[in-house]
Protein backbone atom coordinates (compact mmCIF):
# COMPACT_ATOMS: atom_id res chain seq x y z
CA MET A 1 -0.11 0.05 -0.28
CA ASP A 2 1.39 3.29 -1.21
CA ASP A 3 1.02 6.23 0.87
CA LEU A 4 -0.57 4.84 3.62
CA ASN A 5 -1.06 8.19 5.31
CA MET A 6 -2.87 10.00 2.42
CA PRO A 7 -6.72 9.16 3.03
CA LYS A 8 -8.17 12.40 4.24
CA VAL A 9 -8.95 12.13 8.33
CA ASP A 10 -12.86 12.68 8.79
CA LYS A 11 -14.61 14.75 11.52
CA TYR A 12 -14.27 11.57 13.72
CA GLY A 13 -10.41 11.61 13.65
CA THR A 14 -10.62 8.43 11.45
CA GLN A 15 -9.53 7.29 7.74
CA SER A 16 -12.33 4.99 6.20
CA PRO A 17 -9.77 3.33 3.88
CA ILE A 18 -7.46 2.58 6.83
CA CYS A 19 -10.06 1.42 8.88
CA LEU A 20 -11.27 -1.21 6.05
CA ILE A 21 -7.73 -2.37 5.82
CA ARG A 22 -7.48 -2.88 9.61
CA GLN A 23 -10.75 -4.89 9.57
CA ILE A 24 -9.67 -7.13 6.66
CA ILE A 25 -6.16 -7.90 8.52
CA ASP A 26 -8.14 -8.59 12.06
CA TYR A 27 -11.01 -10.63 10.68
CA GLN A 28 -9.38 -12.17 7.51
CA LEU A 29 -12.63 -11.98 5.82
CA VAL A 30 -14.67 -9.56 3.33
CA TYR A 31 -18.45 -9.66 2.70
CA ASP A 32 -19.56 -9.66 -0.87
CA ARG A 33 -21.15 -6.41 -1.60
CA ASP A 34 -23.93 -7.91 -3.86
CA HIS A 35 -24.81 -10.82 -1.48
CA LEU A 36 -24.12 -9.79 1.95
CA GLU A 37 -24.78 -13.29 3.44
CA ASP A 38 -21.71 -14.56 1.80
CA LYS A 39 -18.29 -13.91 3.16
CA LYS A 40 -14.86 -14.42 1.61
CA GLU A 41 -12.07 -15.72 3.80
CA ILE A 42 -8.52 -14.34 3.00
CA HIS A 43 -5.53 -16.08 3.83
CA ASP A 44 -1.75 -16.27 3.59
CA ILE A 45 -1.67 -12.43 2.51
CA MET A 46 1.16 -10.36 3.46
CA PHE A 47 0.49 -6.70 3.74
CA ILE A 48 3.27 -3.86 3.20
CA GLY A 49 2.83 -0.19 3.44
CA CYS A 50 4.93 2.97 2.99
CA MET A 51 4.13 6.60 3.65
CA ASN A 52 5.18 9.82 2.26
CA PRO A 53 7.18 11.84 4.81
CA LYS A 54 6.12 15.31 3.66
CA SER A 55 2.49 15.18 2.99
CA GLY A 56 -0.73 13.30 4.32
CA SER A 57 -1.76 13.02 7.66
CA PHE A 58 1.34 12.11 9.96
CA ASN A 59 -0.73 9.89 12.53
CA ILE A 60 -1.94 6.20 11.59
CA ASP A 61 -4.82 4.55 13.65
CA LEU A 62 -2.81 2.35 16.37
CA ARG A 63 -5.19 -0.29 15.76
CA LEU A 64 -3.60 -0.68 12.42
CA THR A 65 -0.02 0.01 12.89
CA ARG A 66 0.14 -2.72 15.50
CA HIS A 67 -0.27 -5.13 12.93
CA PHE A 68 3.15 -4.02 11.18
CA THR A 69 6.73 -3.71 12.27
CA LEU A 70 7.58 0.07 11.64
CA ILE A 71 10.78 1.04 10.23
CA ALA A 72 11.91 4.64 9.57
CA LEU A 73 14.51 5.83 7.21
CA GLY A 74 15.39 9.34 6.37
CA VAL A 75 16.09 10.72 2.90
CA PRO A 76 19.55 9.73 1.68
CA GLU A 77 22.17 12.70 0.96
CA LYS A 78 23.44 12.66 -2.81
CA ASP A 79 26.47 11.59 -1.99
CA ILE A 80 25.50 8.38 -0.86
CA LEU A 81 22.81 7.90 -3.58
CA ALA A 82 25.69 8.28 -5.99
CA THR A 83 27.96 5.93 -4.28
CA ILE A 84 25.07 3.28 -4.05
CA PHE A 85 24.04 3.60 -7.99
CA GLY A 86 27.43 4.34 -9.19
CA GLN A 87 28.55 0.88 -7.61
CA VAL A 88 25.58 -0.92 -9.24
CA LEU A 89 26.22 0.76 -12.51
CA SER A 90 29.82 0.03 -12.53
CA ASN A 91 29.35 -3.54 -11.67
CA HIS A 92 26.80 -3.75 -14.74
CA LEU A 93 29.25 -2.17 -17.03
CA LYS A 94 31.61 -4.71 -16.43
CA THR A 95 30.64 -7.13 -19.06
CA PHE A 96 30.15 -4.23 -21.76
CA ASP A 97 32.70 -3.18 -24.24
CA SER A 98 35.70 -0.85 -22.99
CA THR A 99 33.98 2.09 -24.74
CA PHE A 100 31.27 2.41 -21.83
CA LYS A 101 33.86 2.37 -19.00
CA GLY A 102 33.92 5.68 -18.67
CA TYR A 103 30.17 5.97 -17.95
CA ASP A 104 30.18 4.79 -14.29
């Protein structure tokens, strides 16, 4: 789930899409919208979510976050990104002709 913090917070302090996700995780089932007596059980599903650190609400329902392992990462500096992607690119270019050696 991308941008888990983007749904608008309503006047009750909840986010409807977040509550629906939490309900699916908690009860492991959804009801058929056409036939409400039919329910579909959900098994063996892993949920992964991320949040945009610069927009949206910055508070997520604790009843949902209790299901996740939370990892917070800062935005890497430009020199760190250049090092990471430079090493990937130079390793990839090893198999190319020598004319491409200067592009890493």
